[in-house]
Amino acid sequence: MDERLLLVRQLLGEGDVEKAEKVAQEIEDPYWRSYALKWVAEALADNPQRAIEVATSIEEPTIRDETLRSLAYIFSRDGRFKEALETARKIGNAFLRKKAFRAVSNFLARAIATKGIEIRLSDLKLDERDLEDLKPLPYGIVYKDGKLMPGSVVHRIKGDVKTGLVERTEKAPKWEPPKPVFKEEREPESYVFEYIRKLLDEGELEEAEKLARGLPEPFRSFYLEEISVKLFEGGDVSKAEKIFDELKFSQVLGSLLARKNVENPELVLRYLEKTHNPVTRLMVAYEVTKERGVDRDFLRNVLIWATDGWKRGRILKFLAFEMLEEAKRRGDERLRKISRELFELGVSVERNEV
């Protein structure tokens, strides 16, 4: 890891975003430079236009999409719904883009439910097109006559129509989940998860890790992975790798570690052993092939869920077309050659010739 990555963190902690961005741009490794710029973009969230500029300049596609998703979350949390939607639309990965839209709609629903009033789309600087990206609307929120409003529910005892909203006063104490105590042979209550989430939000990773280790599977692996991803993003890669070895499954960390080691296909495969999401494995296959060229054995092992030659061949041809598009955008003849070789391999596999 480049030591300047830690300097970027330090400068951002001191509030010197401009200098942090300058240092980030000086990092030679494109992967770590992309991560540094991710932090810079998030630190610029109070200036949406500038934050989006930095985010879209990130070279690594996966980190660029993650940064845009993070900004969409921050903007919607702060009530900047128009900026949040515009940012979400820039996300290349369809799955992450959908998650970003869902985050925006959830925050919008929370804002409406908290106020308990009708809000016009125009008041939020939104229009009908924006609404389409937010559908399906979260439960309890309806759209009518150009307005978003809390939905009504039927009271089951008297049949009266009520909004289902509970009025809160300034005098009411702020509620926090109690610190959990584990008991033998008992499933964790929901407040355990809420408390771990609270610790994660506050950056108390060590305390969150202790509690996560007391959870049964699959909750244990889920929360330990969230902790290790934060460690990874903070530069503590060695600790993240240690936790990875303990996980029963991995949705994110395995792919992060794999993409960090694209020059070593064997190591990539080890990190992907616990990653069962086909989309994630496909993205890693693309990154490794782009970096190292076509490796038939590697691709066969990464695309292991494609059990027949026809399906695997189709996937390989899909990767070839994606790489060809990138080669055209970048004017990269090397990528164009890899794309052609990948397509030819896909045709052969599809015909069961290899």
Protein backbone atom coordinates (compact mmCIF):
# COMPACT_ATOMS: atom_id res chain seq x y z
CA MET A 1 0.00 0.00 0.00
CA ASP A 2 1.25 3.51 -0.87
CA GLU A 3 2.12 5.50 2.27
CA ARG A 4 0.57 8.58 0.70
CA LEU A 5 -2.80 6.89 1.20
CA LEU A 6 -2.39 7.39 4.95
CA LEU A 7 -1.35 10.99 4.35
CA VAL A 8 -4.59 11.57 2.43
CA ARG A 9 -6.53 10.22 5.41
CA GLN A 10 -4.61 12.51 7.76
CA LEU A 11 -5.17 15.60 5.62
CA LEU A 12 -8.88 14.87 5.31
CA GLY A 13 -9.06 14.46 9.09
CA GLU A 14 -7.51 17.92 9.40
CA GLY A 15 -10.01 19.35 6.95
CA ASP A 16 -7.48 20.12 4.22
CA VAL A 17 -9.42 18.58 1.33
CA GLU A 18 -7.63 20.52 -1.39
CA LYS A 19 -4.19 19.27 -0.34
CA ALA A 20 -5.57 15.75 0.19
CA GLU A 21 -6.81 15.69 -3.40
CA LYS A 22 -3.42 16.86 -4.66
CA VAL A 23 -1.63 14.09 -2.74
CA ALA A 24 -4.20 11.54 -3.96
CA GLN A 25 -3.51 12.47 -7.59
CA GLU A 26 0.21 11.82 -7.00
CA ILE A 27 -0.34 8.18 -6.00
CA GLU A 28 1.04 6.07 -8.86
CA ASP A 29 -0.90 2.85 -8.33
CA PRO A 30 -4.31 3.38 -10.03
CA TYR A 31 -6.11 1.15 -7.52
CA TRP A 32 -4.94 3.04 -4.43
CA ARG A 33 -5.24 6.38 -6.23
CA SER A 34 -8.87 5.52 -6.90
CA TYR A 35 -9.45 4.70 -3.25
CA ALA A 36 -7.85 7.96 -2.13
CA LEU A 37 -10.05 9.93 -4.52
CA LYS A 38 -13.08 8.07 -3.15
CA TRP A 39 -12.36 9.52 0.28
CA VAL A 40 -11.79 12.96 -1.21
CA ALA A 41 -15.11 12.84 -3.08
CA GLU A 42 -16.96 11.84 0.10
CA ALA A 43 -15.26 14.68 2.00
CA LEU A 44 -16.55 17.10 -0.66
CA ALA A 45 -20.18 16.02 -0.21
CA ASP A 46 -21.17 19.53 0.94
CA ASN A 47 -20.28 20.66 -2.57
CA PRO A 48 -22.21 18.12 -4.71
CA GLN A 49 -20.99 19.32 -8.09
CA ARG A 50 -17.33 19.15 -7.09
CA ALA A 51 -17.82 15.80 -5.29
CA ILE A 52 -19.38 14.28 -8.42
CA GLU A 53 -16.54 15.64 -10.58
CA VAL A 54 -13.96 13.89 -8.40
CA ALA A 55 -16.01 10.69 -8.27
CA THR A 56 -16.45 10.44 -12.03
CA SER A 57 -12.70 11.01 -12.53
CA ILE A 58 -11.86 7.80 -10.64
CA GLU A 59 -10.21 5.30 -12.99
CA GLU A 60 -11.19 1.97 -11.40
CA PRO A 61 -14.80 1.30 -12.52
CA THR A 62 -15.82 -0.63 -9.41
CA ILE A 63 -14.45 1.99 -7.01
CA ARG A 64 -15.97 4.77 -9.13
CA ASP A 65 -19.40 3.13 -8.88
CA GLU A 66 -19.02 2.56 -5.14
CA THR A 67 -18.08 6.22 -4.69
CA LEU A 68 -21.11 7.42 -6.65
CA ARG A 69 -23.35 5.11 -4.62
CA SER A 70 -21.86 6.49 -1.41
CA LEU A 71 -22.45 10.08 -2.56
CA ALA A 72 -26.04 9.27 -3.54
CA TYR A 73 -26.54 7.94 0.00
CA ILE A 74 -25.01 11.04 1.60
CA PHE A 75 -26.96 13.46 -0.58
CA SER A 76 -30.28 11.73 0.12
CA ARG A 77 -29.51 11.55 3.85
CA ASP A 78 -28.98 15.32 3.78
CA GLY A 79 -32.22 15.94 1.86
CA ARG A 80 -30.53 16.68 -1.49
CA PHE A 81 -32.74 14.28 -3.41
CA LYS A 82 -32.28 15.83 -6.85
CA GLU A 83 -28.47 15.59 -6.56
CA ALA A 84 -28.78 12.07 -5.15
CA LEU A 85 -30.79 10.86 -8.15
CA GLU A 86 -28.48 12.54 -10.66
CA THR A 87 -25.53 10.85 -8.97
CA ALA A 88 -27.21 7.45 -8.89
CA ARG A 89 -27.87 7.63 -12.64
CA LYS A 90 -24.13 7.89 -13.26
CA ILE A 91 -23.46 4.48 -11.68
CA GLY A 92 -22.42 1.98 -14.35
CA ASN A 93 -23.16 -1.23 -12.47
CA ALA A 94 -26.90 -1.97 -12.68
CA PHE A 95 -27.03 -3.69 -9.28
CA LEU A 96 -25.33 -0.81 -7.44
CA ARG A 97 -27.43 1.73 -9.34
CA LYS A 98 -30.60 -0.03 -8.18
CA LYS A 99 -29.35 -0.04 -4.58
CA ALA A 100 -28.61 3.67 -4.82
CA PHE A 101 -32.14 4.43 -6.08
CA ARG A 102 -33.58 2.37 -3.23
CA ALA A 103 -31.54 4.31 -0.67
CA VAL A 104 -32.82 7.61 -2.10
CA SER A 105 -36.46 6.47 -1.99
CA ASN A 106 -36.10 5.20 1.58
CA PHE A 107 -34.66 8.50 2.81
CA LEU A 108 -37.36 10.40 0.94
CA ALA A 109 -40.05 8.23 2.54
CA ARG A 110 -38.51 8.80 5.97
CA ALA A 111 -38.54 12.57 5.44
CA ILE A 112 -42.21 12.53 4.43
CA ALA A 113 -43.28 10.19 7.24
CA THR A 114 -41.39 12.23 9.86
CA LYS A 115 -43.12 15.45 8.85
CA GLY A 116 -46.45 13.72 8.28
CA ILE A 117 -47.34 16.16 5.50
CA GLU A 118 -47.84 16.20 1.75
CA ILE A 119 -44.83 17.28 -0.31
CA ARG A 120 -44.98 18.34 -3.95
CA LEU A 121 -42.41 16.91 -6.32
CA SER A 122 -41.55 20.45 -7.38
CA ASP A 123 -40.76 21.37 -3.76
CA LEU A 124 -38.11 18.63 -3.80
CA LYS A 125 -36.84 19.81 -7.21
CA LEU A 126 -38.03 16.50 -8.67
CA ASP A 127 -40.21 15.67 -11.65
CA GLU A 128 -42.15 12.69 -13.03
CA ARG A 129 -39.01 11.17 -14.56
CA ASP A 130 -37.32 11.21 -11.16
CA LEU A 131 -40.30 9.44 -9.65
CA GLU A 132 -39.93 6.55 -12.11
CA ASP A 133 -36.43 5.86 -10.78
CA LEU A 134 -37.80 5.77 -7.22
CA LYS A 135 -40.49 3.17 -7.91
CA PRO A 136 -41.68 1.02 -6.30
CA LEU A 137 -42.21 3.59 -3.56
CA PRO A 138 -41.56 2.36 0.00
CA TYR A 139 -44.53 1.02 1.93
CA GLY A 140 -46.64 3.77 3.51
CA ILE A 141 -45.86 6.44 0.88
CA VAL A 142 -48.21 7.22 -2.01
CA TYR A 143 -48.09 9.60 -4.97
CA LYS A 144 -51.18 11.51 -6.04
CA ASP A 145 -51.83 14.75 -7.92
CA GLY A 146 -48.16 15.68 -8.08
CA LYS A 147 -47.67 15.10 -4.36
CA LEU A 148 -45.95 12.51 -2.20
CA MET A 149 -47.77 11.82 1.04
CA PRO A 150 -47.95 9.34 3.94
CA GLY A 151 -50.21 6.41 3.09
CA SER A 152 -53.18 5.58 5.33
CA VAL A 153 -53.68 2.27 7.05
CA VAL A 154 -56.84 0.71 8.51
CA HIS A 155 -57.01 0.29 12.28
CA ARG A 156 -57.93 -3.38 12.76
CA ILE A 157 -60.06 -2.89 15.89
CA LYS A 158 -62.30 0.07 15.11
CA GLY A 159 -61.84 0.33 11.37
CA ASP A 160 -60.80 3.99 11.69
CA VAL A 161 -58.39 5.38 9.13
CA LYS A 162 -55.12 6.57 10.66
CA THR A 163 -51.82 7.68 9.27
CA GLY A 164 -49.79 5.38 11.46
CA LEU A 165 -47.41 8.22 12.37
CA VAL A 166 -46.38 8.83 15.96
CA GLU A 167 -45.83 12.44 16.89
CA ARG A 168 -42.46 13.09 18.52
CA THR A 169 -41.63 16.01 20.79
CA GLU A 170 -38.37 17.79 21.46
CA LYS A 171 -38.57 16.75 25.13
CA ALA A 172 -38.57 13.05 24.33
CA PRO A 173 -35.24 11.39 25.21
CA LYS A 174 -33.09 10.17 22.37
CA TRP A 175 -33.48 6.40 22.14
CA GLU A 176 -30.45 4.17 21.81
CA PRO A 177 -30.44 0.37 21.67
CA PRO A 178 -29.18 -1.25 24.88
CA LYS A 179 -25.80 -2.92 24.85
CA PRO A 180 -26.49 -6.61 24.17
CA VAL A 181 -25.65 -9.49 26.45
CA PHE A 182 -25.45 -12.90 24.79
CA LYS A 183 -27.04 -15.92 26.37
CA GLU A 184 -26.35 -19.50 25.46
CA GLU A 185 -28.65 -21.26 23.00
CA ARG A 186 -30.61 -18.16 22.16
CA GLU A 187 -31.07 -16.37 18.85
CA PRO A 188 -29.84 -12.76 18.89
CA GLU A 189 -32.58 -10.15 19.24
CA SER A 190 -32.94 -7.37 16.70
CA TYR A 191 -31.51 -4.81 19.13
CA VAL A 192 -28.17 -6.68 18.98
CA PHE A 193 -27.91 -5.87 15.30
CA GLU A 194 -28.97 -2.27 15.94
CA TYR A 195 -26.26 -1.86 18.55
CA ILE A 196 -23.57 -3.27 16.25
CA ARG A 197 -24.82 -0.94 13.52
CA LYS A 198 -24.54 1.98 15.93
CA LEU A 199 -20.94 1.03 16.73
CA LEU A 200 -20.11 0.76 13.02
CA ASP A 201 -21.57 4.20 12.34
CA GLU A 202 -19.48 5.66 15.16
CA GLY A 203 -16.29 3.94 14.01
CA GLU A 204 -16.01 1.73 17.11
CA LEU A 205 -14.73 -1.21 15.08
CA GLU A 206 -13.00 -3.13 17.90
CA GLU A 207 -16.13 -3.15 20.06
CA ALA A 208 -18.29 -4.07 17.06
CA GLU A 209 -15.93 -6.94 16.24
CA LYS A 210 -16.18 -8.34 19.78
CA LEU A 211 -19.97 -8.39 19.60
CA ALA A 212 -20.04 -9.76 16.05
CA ARG A 213 -17.89 -12.73 17.10
CA GLY A 214 -20.62 -13.73 19.57
CA LEU A 215 -23.25 -14.02 16.85
CA PRO A 216 -24.30 -17.29 15.21
CA GLU A 217 -23.88 -17.77 11.47
CA PRO A 218 -24.74 -16.25 9.05
CA PHE A 219 -24.90 -13.05 11.13
CA ARG A 220 -21.35 -13.50 12.37
CA SER A 221 -19.82 -13.54 8.88
CA PHE A 222 -22.09 -10.74 7.69
CA TYR A 223 -21.05 -8.24 10.37
CA LEU A 224 -17.41 -9.33 10.53
CA GLU A 225 -17.22 -8.67 6.81
CA GLU A 226 -18.68 -5.17 7.22
CA ILE A 227 -16.06 -4.46 9.87
CA SER A 228 -13.21 -5.81 7.73
CA VAL A 229 -14.36 -3.76 4.71
CA LYS A 230 -14.09 -0.62 6.84
CA LEU A 231 -10.63 -1.74 7.95
CA PHE A 232 -9.66 -2.34 4.33
CA GLU A 233 -10.89 1.10 3.28
CA GLY A 234 -8.98 2.60 6.20
CA GLY A 235 -5.74 1.04 4.96
CA ASP A 236 -5.48 -1.85 7.45
CA VAL A 237 -5.39 -4.53 4.75
CA SER A 238 -3.53 -7.11 6.86
CA LYS A 239 -6.22 -7.09 9.58
CA ALA A 240 -8.93 -7.31 6.93
CA GLU A 241 -7.20 -10.36 5.43
CA LYS A 242 -7.05 -12.06 8.83
CA ILE A 243 -10.76 -11.59 9.35
CA PHE A 244 -11.44 -12.81 5.81
CA ASP A 245 -9.88 -16.18 6.67
CA GLU A 246 -12.51 -16.59 9.43
CA LEU A 247 -15.53 -15.86 7.28
CA LYS A 248 -17.87 -18.61 6.16
CA PHE A 249 -18.93 -16.52 3.15
CA SER A 250 -18.03 -13.17 1.64
CA GLN A 251 -20.06 -10.79 -0.52
CA VAL A 252 -17.71 -7.80 -0.69
CA LEU A 253 -14.37 -8.33 1.02
CA GLY A 254 -13.34 -11.27 -1.16
CA SER A 255 -13.83 -9.22 -4.31
CA LEU A 256 -11.93 -6.23 -2.84
CA LEU A 257 -8.96 -8.41 -1.95
CA ALA A 258 -9.15 -10.19 -5.31
CA ARG A 259 -9.11 -6.95 -7.30
CA LYS A 260 -6.17 -5.76 -5.22
CA ASN A 261 -4.24 -8.86 -6.34
CA VAL A 262 -5.21 -9.11 -10.02
CA GLU A 263 -1.59 -9.87 -10.91
CA ASN A 264 -1.85 -13.19 -9.04
CA PRO A 265 -4.69 -15.38 -10.46
CA GLU A 266 -4.16 -18.14 -7.87
CA LEU A 267 -4.60 -15.65 -5.04
CA VAL A 268 -7.65 -14.20 -6.74
CA LEU A 269 -9.26 -17.64 -6.88
CA ARG A 270 -8.55 -18.16 -3.17
CA TYR A 271 -10.31 -14.91 -2.32
CA LEU A 272 -13.26 -15.82 -4.51
CA GLU A 273 -13.79 -19.23 -2.87
CA LYS A 274 -16.18 -17.63 -0.36
CA THR A 275 -17.86 -15.35 -2.90
CA HIS A 276 -20.88 -17.00 -4.48
CA ASN A 277 -22.47 -13.98 -6.16
CA PRO A 278 -22.14 -14.56 -9.95
CA VAL A 279 -22.11 -10.81 -10.69
CA THR A 280 -19.21 -10.23 -8.30
CA ARG A 281 -17.22 -13.12 -9.72
CA LEU A 282 -17.94 -11.87 -13.25
CA MET A 283 -16.62 -8.40 -12.42
CA VAL A 284 -13.41 -9.84 -10.98
CA ALA A 285 -12.96 -12.09 -14.03
CA TYR A 286 -13.22 -9.00 -16.22
CA GLU A 287 -10.63 -7.04 -14.18
CA VAL A 288 -8.11 -9.90 -14.12
CA THR A 289 -8.50 -10.62 -17.83
CA LYS A 290 -8.13 -6.94 -18.65
CA GLU A 291 -4.90 -6.86 -16.64
CA ARG A 292 -3.33 -10.19 -17.60
CA GLY A 293 -4.99 -11.36 -20.79
CA VAL A 294 -7.00 -14.52 -21.43
CA ASP A 295 -6.28 -17.41 -19.05
CA ARG A 296 -8.59 -20.33 -19.88
CA ASP A 297 -8.10 -22.26 -16.63
CA PHE A 298 -8.62 -19.14 -14.53
CA LEU A 299 -11.81 -18.19 -16.35
CA ARG A 300 -13.19 -21.72 -16.06
CA ASN A 301 -12.66 -21.66 -12.29
CA VAL A 302 -14.10 -18.15 -11.81
CA LEU A 303 -17.18 -18.94 -13.91
CA ILE A 304 -17.75 -22.21 -12.08
CA TRP A 305 -21.49 -21.55 -11.63
CA ALA A 306 -21.92 -21.76 -15.43
CA THR A 307 -22.23 -25.55 -15.49
CA ASP A 308 -22.60 -26.08 -19.25
CA GLY A 309 -20.44 -24.96 -22.15
CA TRP A 310 -23.19 -23.02 -23.89
CA LYS A 311 -23.82 -20.81 -20.85
CA ARG A 312 -20.11 -20.30 -20.15
CA GLY A 313 -19.49 -19.43 -23.79
CA ARG A 314 -22.23 -16.81 -23.75
CA ILE A 315 -20.74 -15.24 -20.63
CA LEU A 316 -17.28 -15.12 -22.19
CA LYS A 317 -18.68 -13.41 -25.29
CA PHE A 318 -20.50 -10.91 -23.06
CA LEU A 319 -17.17 -10.07 -21.36
CA ALA A 320 -15.58 -9.74 -24.79
CA PHE A 321 -18.15 -7.18 -25.95
CA GLU A 322 -17.79 -5.20 -22.69
CA MET A 323 -14.01 -5.12 -23.16
CA LEU A 324 -14.36 -4.10 -26.78
CA GLU A 325 -16.48 -1.12 -25.74
CA GLU A 326 -13.84 -0.09 -23.20
CA ALA A 327 -11.09 -0.54 -25.80
CA LYS A 328 -12.94 1.81 -28.15
CA ARG A 329 -13.46 4.44 -25.44
CA ARG A 330 -9.80 4.35 -24.44
CA GLY A 331 -8.35 3.77 -27.89
CA ASP A 332 -6.48 0.80 -26.42
CA GLU A 333 -5.31 -1.67 -29.06
CA ARG A 334 -4.11 -4.16 -26.41
CA LEU A 335 -7.61 -4.41 -24.92
CA ARG A 336 -9.04 -4.81 -28.41
CA LYS A 337 -6.80 -7.86 -28.98
CA ILE A 338 -7.76 -9.37 -25.61
CA SER A 339 -11.42 -8.81 -26.46
CA ARG A 340 -11.04 -10.68 -29.74
CA GLU A 341 -9.24 -13.59 -28.06
CA LEU A 342 -11.91 -13.69 -25.36
CA PHE A 343 -14.67 -13.77 -27.97
CA GLU A 344 -12.98 -16.58 -29.89
CA LEU A 345 -12.64 -18.56 -26.65
CA GLY A 346 -16.33 -18.00 -25.97
CA VAL A 347 -17.29 -19.32 -29.40
CA SER A 348 -15.11 -22.43 -28.89
CA VAL A 349 -16.52 -23.11 -25.43
CA GLU A 350 -20.07 -22.58 -26.69
CA ARG A 351 -19.46 -25.22 -29.37
CA ASN A 352 -17.81 -27.55 -26.84
CA GLU A 353 -14.56 -27.42 -28.81
CA VAL A 354 -12.40 -26.85 -25.66
